[in-house]
Protein backbone atom coordinates (compact mmCIF):
# COMPACT_ATOMS: atom_id res chain seq x y z
CA UNK A 1 0.00 -0.09 0.23
CA UNK A 2 1.12 3.64 -0.79
CA UNK A 3 1.94 6.23 1.73
CA UNK A 4 -0.78 8.44 1.98
CA UNK A 5 -3.44 6.75 -0.01
CA UNK A 6 -6.13 7.76 2.26
CA UNK A 7 -5.12 11.86 1.98
CA UNK A 8 -7.11 14.00 -0.67
CA UNK A 9 -4.35 15.76 -2.28
CA UNK A 10 -6.41 18.16 -4.39
CA UNK A 11 -7.93 19.07 -0.80
CA UNK A 12 -4.62 20.40 0.81
CA UNK A 13 -4.52 24.28 0.60
CA UNK A 14 -0.59 24.40 0.47
CA UNK A 15 0.89 23.40 -2.96
CA UNK A 16 4.25 22.07 -1.35
CA UNK A 17 2.64 19.96 0.90
CA UNK A 18 0.45 18.77 -2.08
CA UNK A 19 3.48 18.23 -4.19
CA UNK A 20 5.35 16.63 -1.29
CA UNK A 21 2.39 14.01 -0.44
CA UNK A 22 2.06 13.21 -4.15
CA UNK A 23 5.63 12.06 -4.29
CA UNK A 24 5.65 10.42 -1.92
CA UNK A 25 2.79 8.16 -2.99
CA UNK A 26 4.59 7.85 -5.85
CA UNK A 27 7.83 6.38 -4.56
CA UNK A 28 5.71 3.78 -2.39
CA UNK A 29 3.17 2.97 -5.09
CA UNK A 30 3.40 -0.68 -6.53
CA UNK A 31 5.40 -2.73 -4.18
CA UNK A 32 6.61 -2.59 -0.38
CA UNK A 33 9.76 -3.06 -2.08
CA UNK A 34 9.97 0.32 -3.02
CA UNK A 35 10.11 1.56 0.52
CA UNK A 36 13.84 0.06 0.56
CA UNK A 37 14.38 1.14 -2.69
CA UNK A 38 13.59 4.88 -2.01
CA UNK A 39 14.51 4.99 1.21
CA UNK A 40 16.86 7.68 1.11
CA UNK A 41 14.75 10.35 -0.64
CA UNK A 42 11.66 9.25 1.80
CA UNK A 43 13.87 9.62 5.10
CA UNK A 44 14.29 13.43 3.71
CA UNK A 45 10.68 14.01 2.31
CA UNK A 46 8.62 12.51 5.20
CA UNK A 47 10.18 15.51 7.67
CA UNK A 48 9.04 17.86 5.13
CA UNK A 49 5.77 16.67 5.12
CA UNK A 50 5.49 16.62 8.78
CA UNK A 51 6.83 20.20 9.06
CA UNK A 52 4.45 21.80 6.52
CA UNK A 53 1.53 19.72 7.87
CA UNK A 54 1.95 20.91 11.11
CA UNK A 55 2.13 24.43 9.98
CA UNK A 56 -1.10 24.34 8.39
CA UNK A 57 -2.79 22.28 11.22
CA UNK A 58 -3.41 19.33 8.88
CA UNK A 59 -3.35 16.63 12.10
CA UNK A 60 -4.36 13.59 10.39
CA UNK A 61 -1.77 14.03 7.67
CA UNK A 62 0.85 15.27 10.20
CA UNK A 63 0.29 11.78 12.25
CA UNK A 64 0.41 9.95 9.24
CA UNK A 65 3.39 11.25 8.08
CA UNK A 66 5.02 10.91 11.28
CA UNK A 67 3.60 7.05 11.82
CA UNK A 68 5.27 6.53 8.30
CA UNK A 69 8.69 8.06 9.16
CA UNK A 70 8.73 5.53 12.08
CA UNK A 71 7.55 2.81 10.00
CA UNK A 72 10.20 3.61 7.15
CA UNK A 73 12.90 3.20 9.78
CA UNK A 74 11.54 0.09 11.13
CA UNK A 75 11.89 -1.29 7.85
CA UNK A 76 15.42 -0.32 7.46
CA UNK A 77 16.28 -1.29 11.25
CA UNK A 78 17.06 2.18 12.00
CA UNK A 79 16.54 2.29 15.53
CA UNK A 80 17.97 5.62 16.66
CA UNK A 81 15.63 7.44 14.29
CA UNK A 82 12.84 5.58 15.95
CA UNK A 83 13.88 6.27 19.34
CA UNK A 84 14.54 9.90 18.39
CA UNK A 85 10.96 10.29 16.58
CA UNK A 86 9.16 8.55 19.52
CA UNK A 87 9.75 11.65 21.52
CA UNK A 88 8.44 14.01 19.01
CA UNK A 89 5.19 11.49 19.12
CA UNK A 90 5.16 11.47 22.95
CA UNK A 91 4.83 15.38 23.17
CA UNK A 92 2.62 15.96 19.96
CA UNK A 93 0.31 12.95 20.93
CA UNK A 94 -0.21 14.61 24.38
CA UNK A 95 -1.03 17.81 22.51
CA UNK A 96 -3.00 17.44 19.77
CA UNK A 97 -4.21 13.91 19.80
CA UNK A 98 -7.47 13.47 21.82
CA UNK A 99 -8.39 17.05 20.65
CA UNK A 100 -8.04 16.46 16.85
CA UNK A 101 -9.45 12.78 16.83
CA UNK A 102 -13.36 14.09 16.45
CA UNK A 103 -12.19 16.40 13.82
CA UNK A 104 -11.43 13.30 11.59
CA UNK A 105 -14.05 10.75 11.55
CA UNK A 106 -14.12 7.61 9.75
CA UNK A 107 -10.38 7.69 9.77
CA UNK A 108 -7.68 5.67 11.47
CA UNK A 109 -6.06 8.38 13.11
CA UNK A 110 -6.49 7.06 17.06
CA UNK A 111 -5.34 3.61 15.26
CA UNK A 112 -2.56 5.55 14.20
CA UNK A 113 -1.32 5.49 18.11
CA UNK A 114 -1.25 1.88 18.49
CA UNK A 115 0.74 1.54 15.33
CA UNK A 116 3.31 4.11 16.37
CA UNK A 117 3.85 2.31 19.45
CA UNK A 118 4.34 -1.06 17.71
CA UNK A 119 7.37 0.04 16.39
CA UNK A 120 8.52 2.13 19.34
CA UNK A 121 8.28 -0.91 21.30
CA UNK A 122 10.43 -2.94 18.37
CA UNK A 123 13.06 -0.45 18.61
CA UNK A 124 13.25 -0.01 22.32
CA UNK A 125 13.35 -4.12 22.90
CA UNK A 126 16.62 -4.51 21.27
CA UNK A 127 18.06 -1.26 22.16
CA UNK A 128 20.77 -1.23 25.55
CA UNK A 129 20.06 1.95 26.37
CA UNK A 130 16.58 1.14 27.18
CA UNK A 131 16.95 -0.73 30.48
CA UNK A 132 14.21 -2.74 32.15
CA UNK A 133 12.96 0.53 34.23
CA UNK A 134 12.23 2.28 31.06
CA UNK A 135 10.91 -0.85 29.44
CA UNK A 136 8.70 -1.68 31.88
CA UNK A 137 7.34 2.13 32.16
CA UNK A 138 7.03 2.01 28.22
CA UNK A 139 5.07 -0.94 28.20
CA UNK A 140 2.68 0.47 30.80
CA UNK A 141 2.10 3.33 28.52
CA UNK A 142 1.69 1.11 25.48
CA UNK A 143 -0.94 -1.06 26.98
CA UNK A 144 -2.75 1.94 28.12
CA UNK A 145 -2.79 3.38 24.51
CA UNK A 146 -3.48 0.23 22.85
CA UNK A 147 -6.84 -0.34 25.11
CA UNK A 148 -7.89 3.56 24.72
CA UNK A 149 -7.23 3.52 20.70
CA UNK A 150 -8.29 0.00 19.71
CA UNK A 151 -5.64 -2.74 18.42
CA UNK A 152 -5.17 -4.23 21.78
CA UNK A 153 -4.12 -7.41 20.14
CA UNK A 154 -0.65 -5.83 19.01
CA UNK A 155 0.17 -5.04 22.63
CA UNK A 156 -0.24 -8.31 23.77
CA UNK A 157 1.92 -9.75 20.77
CA UNK A 158 4.26 -7.24 21.90
CA UNK A 159 4.33 -9.06 25.21
CA UNK A 160 5.04 -12.50 23.62
CA UNK A 161 7.82 -10.88 21.49
CA UNK A 162 9.20 -9.91 24.72
CA UNK A 163 9.02 -13.12 26.28
CA UNK A 164 10.60 -14.71 23.29
CA UNK A 165 13.72 -12.35 24.01
CA UNK A 166 13.89 -13.09 27.51
CA UNK A 167 12.47 -16.62 27.41
CA UNK A 168 9.85 -15.74 30.05
CA UNK A 169 7.44 -17.99 30.18
CA UNK A 170 4.53 -16.32 32.43
CA UNK A 171 5.06 -13.27 30.42
CA UNK A 172 4.09 -15.19 27.22
CA UNK A 173 1.32 -17.04 28.92
CA UNK A 174 -0.01 -13.49 29.92
CA UNK A 175 0.55 -12.15 26.47
CA UNK A 176 -1.03 -15.39 24.87
CA UNK A 177 -3.88 -14.92 27.04
CA UNK A 178 -4.36 -11.26 26.09
CA UNK A 179 -3.94 -11.78 22.28
CA UNK A 180 -6.62 -14.35 22.08
CA UNK A 181 -9.16 -12.08 23.92
CA UNK A 182 -8.66 -9.39 21.35
CA UNK A 183 -7.85 -11.27 18.26
CA UNK A 184 -11.04 -11.26 16.54
CA UNK A 185 -10.34 -7.57 16.27
CA UNK A 186 -7.43 -7.79 13.81
CA UNK A 187 -8.14 -5.80 10.49
CA UNK A 188 -3.97 -6.12 9.38
CA UNK A 189 -2.00 -8.75 7.98
CA UNK A 190 -2.90 -12.05 9.62
CA UNK A 191 0.09 -13.89 9.01
CA UNK A 192 2.56 -11.06 11.21
CA UNK A 193 -0.28 -10.53 13.51
CA UNK A 194 -0.20 -14.34 14.45
CA UNK A 195 3.42 -15.60 14.00
CA UNK A 196 4.23 -15.49 17.82
CA UNK A 197 1.58 -18.01 18.21
CA UNK A 198 4.59 -19.94 16.77
CA UNK A 199 6.76 -18.80 19.21
CA UNK A 200 4.65 -20.02 22.08
CA UNK A 201 3.92 -23.53 21.18
CA UNK A 202 7.88 -23.85 20.64
CA UNK A 203 8.40 -22.37 23.91
CA UNK A 204 5.78 -24.69 25.73
CA UNK A 205 7.54 -27.71 23.62
CA UNK A 206 4.14 -28.61 21.85
CA UNK A 207 5.94 -29.24 18.72
CA UNK A 208 3.02 -31.47 17.02
CA UNK A 209 0.95 -27.93 17.47
CA UNK A 210 3.66 -25.70 15.98
CA UNK A 211 3.86 -27.82 12.95
CA UNK A 212 0.14 -27.62 12.43
CA UNK A 213 0.15 -23.84 12.50
CA UNK A 214 3.11 -23.79 10.43
CA UNK A 215 1.40 -25.97 7.91
CA UNK A 216 -1.91 -24.05 8.36
CA UNK A 217 -0.20 -21.06 7.29
CA UNK A 218 1.61 -22.35 4.74
CA UNK A 219 -1.28 -23.86 3.07
CA UNK A 220 -3.53 -20.74 3.28
CA UNK A 221 -5.78 -22.49 5.91
CA UNK A 222 -6.74 -19.18 7.58
CA UNK A 223 -9.61 -17.19 7.20
CA UNK A 224 -10.94 -16.39 4.13
CA UNK A 225 -11.43 -12.77 4.91
CA UNK A 226 -7.70 -12.71 5.61
CA UNK A 227 -6.31 -14.65 2.91
CA UNK A 228 -5.15 -11.30 0.95
CA UNK A 229 -2.12 -10.85 2.92
CA UNK A 230 -0.61 -13.75 0.92
CA UNK A 231 -0.57 -11.47 -2.17
CA UNK A 232 1.49 -8.89 -0.05
CA UNK A 233 3.22 -9.74 2.69
CA UNK A 234 6.96 -11.31 2.54
CA UNK A 235 5.75 -12.89 6.09
CA UNK A 236 3.51 -15.12 4.35
CA UNK A 237 5.80 -16.70 2.10
CA UNK A 238 6.78 -20.14 2.37
CA UNK A 239 10.78 -19.68 3.11
CA UNK A 240 9.94 -16.80 5.33
CA UNK A 241 7.46 -18.84 7.22
CA UNK A 242 10.07 -21.69 7.55
CA UNK A 243 12.45 -18.91 8.29
CA UNK A 244 10.40 -17.52 11.45
CA UNK A 245 10.02 -21.23 12.80
CA UNK A 246 13.52 -21.71 13.04
CA UNK A 247 14.63 -18.44 14.58
CA UNK A 248 12.20 -19.13 17.23
CA UNK A 249 13.64 -22.52 17.82
CA UNK A 250 17.37 -20.90 17.82
CA UNK A 251 16.17 -18.05 20.10
CA UNK A 252 14.46 -20.01 22.62
CA UNK A 253 17.50 -22.24 22.59
CA UNK A 254 15.50 -25.42 21.64
CA UNK A 255 18.10 -27.24 19.50
CA UNK A 256 15.97 -30.75 18.90
CA UNK A 257 13.26 -28.72 17.60
CA UNK A 258 15.56 -26.01 15.43
CA UNK A 259 17.06 -29.46 13.87
CA UNK A 260 13.56 -30.85 13.10
CA UNK A 261 12.37 -28.05 11.00
CA UNK A 262 15.60 -27.44 9.59
CA UNK A 263 15.59 -30.84 8.19
CA UNK A 264 12.31 -31.30 7.25
CA UNK A 265 11.45 -28.26 5.97
CA UNK A 266 14.18 -25.76 4.98
CA UNK A 267 16.59 -28.41 3.67
CA UNK A 268 13.40 -29.49 1.36
CA UNK A 269 13.86 -26.36 -0.55
CA UNK A 270 16.17 -26.33 -3.58
CA UNK A 271 19.71 -25.35 -2.70
CA UNK A 272 19.22 -22.06 -4.62
CA UNK A 273 15.73 -21.26 -2.89
CA UNK A 274 17.29 -21.63 0.45
CA UNK A 275 19.05 -18.23 0.51
CA UNK A 276 17.07 -15.16 1.45
CA UNK A 277 17.06 -12.42 -0.97
CA UNK A 278 19.40 -9.08 0.15
CA UNK A 279 16.16 -6.98 0.88
CA UNK A 280 14.55 -10.05 2.97
CA UNK A 281 14.72 -10.07 6.87
CA UNK A 282 15.97 -13.18 7.00
CA UNK A 283 18.83 -12.93 4.31
CA UNK A 284 21.56 -13.44 7.50
CA UNK A 285 19.61 -15.98 9.01
CA UNK A 286 19.55 -18.36 5.65
CA UNK A 287 23.12 -17.31 5.02
CA UNK A 288 23.92 -19.12 8.64
CA UNK A 289 21.59 -22.15 7.68
CA UNK A 290 23.21 -22.73 4.84
CA UNK A 291 26.56 -22.81 6.50
CA UNK A 292 25.13 -25.34 8.97
CA UNK A 293 23.92 -27.41 6.27
CA UNK A 294 27.21 -27.00 4.49
CA UNK A 295 25.98 -25.01 1.41
CA UNK A 296 28.12 -22.31 0.53
CA UNK A 297 27.58 -22.30 -3.16
CA UNK A 298 27.13 -18.26 -2.89
CA UNK A 299 30.53 -17.72 -0.97
CA UNK A 300 30.97 -14.46 -2.61
CA UNK A 301 27.36 -12.75 -2.12
CA UNK A 302 27.77 -14.31 1.44
CA UNK A 303 31.10 -12.49 1.93
CA UNK A 304 29.31 -8.90 0.02
CA UNK A 305 26.81 -9.39 2.89
CA UNK A 306 29.37 -9.67 5.50
CA UNK A 307 31.42 -6.57 4.23
CA UNK A 308 28.01 -4.44 4.70
CA UNK A 309 27.45 -5.77 7.77
CA UNK A 310 30.96 -5.07 9.03
CA UNK A 311 30.61 -1.56 7.59
CA UNK A 312 27.14 -0.61 8.77
CA UNK A 313 27.13 -2.40 12.23
CA UNK A 314 27.51 0.85 14.44
CA UNK A 315 23.58 1.58 13.07
CA UNK A 316 22.55 -1.79 13.76
CA UNK A 317 20.20 -2.05 16.79
CA UNK A 318 21.88 -3.91 19.72
CA UNK A 319 20.02 -7.09 19.38
CA UNK A 320 20.60 -7.24 15.85
CA UNK A 321 24.14 -6.65 16.40
CA UNK A 322 24.20 -9.76 18.44
CA UNK A 323 22.16 -11.97 16.32
CA UNK A 324 23.90 -10.64 13.04
CA UNK A 325 27.56 -11.48 14.73
CA UNK A 326 26.66 -14.58 16.22
CA UNK A 327 25.15 -16.03 12.93
CA UNK A 328 28.60 -14.88 10.91
CA UNK A 329 30.97 -16.16 13.76
CA UNK A 330 29.37 -19.29 13.18
CA UNK A 331 29.77 -18.96 9.73
CA UNK A 332 33.18 -18.61 9.49
CA UNK A 333 34.29 -21.34 11.68
CA UNK A 334 32.03 -23.74 9.53
CA UNK A 335 33.65 -22.08 6.17
CA UNK A 336 37.15 -22.75 7.87
CA UNK A 337 35.94 -26.47 8.68
CA UNK A 338 34.71 -26.76 5.10
CA UNK A 339 38.06 -26.27 3.88
CA UNK A 340 38.12 -22.79 2.83
CA UNK A 341 40.73 -21.11 5.21
CA UNK A 342 41.40 -17.55 3.58
CA UNK A 343 38.45 -15.11 2.75
CA UNK A 344 38.23 -11.83 0.67
CA UNK A 345 37.61 -9.63 3.67
CA UNK A 346 39.23 -6.52 5.61
CA UNK A 347 38.59 -5.38 8.63
CA UNK A 348 36.93 -1.68 8.73
CA UNK A 349 39.36 0.67 8.46
CA UNK A 350 42.26 -1.47 7.33
CA UNK A 351 43.74 -3.13 4.00
CA UNK A 352 44.76 -6.47 5.78
CA UNK A 353 42.79 -9.52 4.71
CA UNK A 354 41.88 -11.93 7.34
CA UNK A 355 41.54 -15.43 7.59
CA UNK A 356 38.17 -17.16 7.95
CA UNK A 357 39.18 -17.70 11.46
CA UNK A 358 39.83 -14.10 12.43
CA UNK A 359 36.71 -12.86 10.96
CA UNK A 360 34.98 -14.99 13.16
CA UNK A 361 36.76 -13.98 16.29
CA UNK A 362 36.01 -10.37 15.07
CA UNK A 363 32.34 -11.18 14.80
CA UNK A 364 32.39 -12.91 18.32
CA UNK A 365 33.98 -10.01 19.83
CA UNK A 366 31.34 -7.57 18.61
CA UNK A 367 28.53 -10.12 19.75
CA UNK A 368 30.28 -10.51 23.39
CA UNK A 369 30.61 -6.62 24.05
CA UNK A 370 27.00 -6.06 22.62
CA UNK A 371 25.55 -9.18 24.57
CA UNK A 372 27.38 -8.42 28.02
CA UNK A 373 25.71 -4.69 27.68
CA UNK A 374 22.45 -5.94 26.91
CA UNK A 375 22.47 -8.39 29.93
CA UNK A 376 23.54 -5.40 32.33
CA UNK A 377 20.54 -3.41 31.12
CA UNK A 378 17.89 -6.38 30.84
CA UNK A 379 18.06 -8.63 34.07
CA UNK A 380 16.12 -11.02 32.24
CA UNK A 381 18.25 -11.57 29.12
CA UNK A 382 20.99 -13.92 29.36
CA UNK A 383 23.73 -13.65 26.64
CA UNK A 384 25.43 -16.51 27.38
CA UNK A 385 22.30 -18.97 26.80
CA UNK A 386 21.90 -17.25 23.61
CA UNK A 387 25.30 -17.67 22.38
CA UNK A 388 25.47 -21.12 23.49
CA UNK A 389 21.95 -22.03 21.30
CA UNK A 390 23.79 -20.35 18.11
CA UNK A 391 26.85 -22.75 18.76
CA UNK A 392 24.60 -25.58 19.50
CA UNK A 393 22.11 -25.19 16.36
CA UNK A 394 25.31 -24.68 14.34
CA UNK A 395 26.70 -28.17 15.54
CA UNK A 396 29.49 -26.47 17.45
CA UNK A 397 29.13 -27.00 21.08
């Protein structure tokens, strides 16, 4: 869906604002991949739309642009930008939101709040500067907003995601009960909304239930009114569903469950289909999975991804750094074991080529530094267990 499709551009009194909205719509029409393709242009355009719509007191458009700026950053994994715009949202929603909602009847202005909170939650969850006290305070704010403005199921899904990060069974149970209570209100992508139900069953060691749900999603056995998501959402694609189940098993340390889904589903795909495309969220995960199964067919493109990760690592969230580096750590150990000892890689800001084992040690060091930092911020996060799971699932422990 293109940005600002609900905006009547010909009714905007400011021509610069109308032109900016029209351009943003063109840049995002046709495919969600256009959000990534035009990210640089959109990241400049959306603040301009926010500024002009605020001046014109076009409050629906203003909050729509603010939502889209945060959404764009979420798709790009740009945690710092989300944290920055969260503060703007808190300020302006307190000043204008409840006052303006009655002025925009029949719109989704109220629901913008829940969507914005959803993306802020995703950023806060993986950002070490947000400690336990701030995270707990935010979750209370988020629950209040979700119950007030609608789409409460997203909040309880967020609890399930946090439970997954912490391996917290009590929090997972609480989130699942709340999700089940409000699930029928869902109007957005059914697959995105229900993915954490797979994590719930995996955490509870209910393998048959997890597998049955996976097959229901893969074979489109979901309510008819929600099947449109298979036309639009990457998460509904078969390869993405397999990746989700494997990532949940990996992050929960369920090695046997991980091996079961890896061998029965991931490896049933042709070798060339086991690799996620670069713009897909599971690109790095698929490289890790291919290494586990001895598939180094795309070594040059793998190393290109590794170089990009090294260059951009400082822009990643704390949890993304941990996951990315642990995957590469295992990859390079497995690559060395396969007989490839030298790689065409240099450490950032150097021109010295390194061996596969040196690349692995470099990635391990970054993972350890960020894992220890995150563990200090979040009492329930155990980095040692997370690292052990990556090694065990890779057959290295």
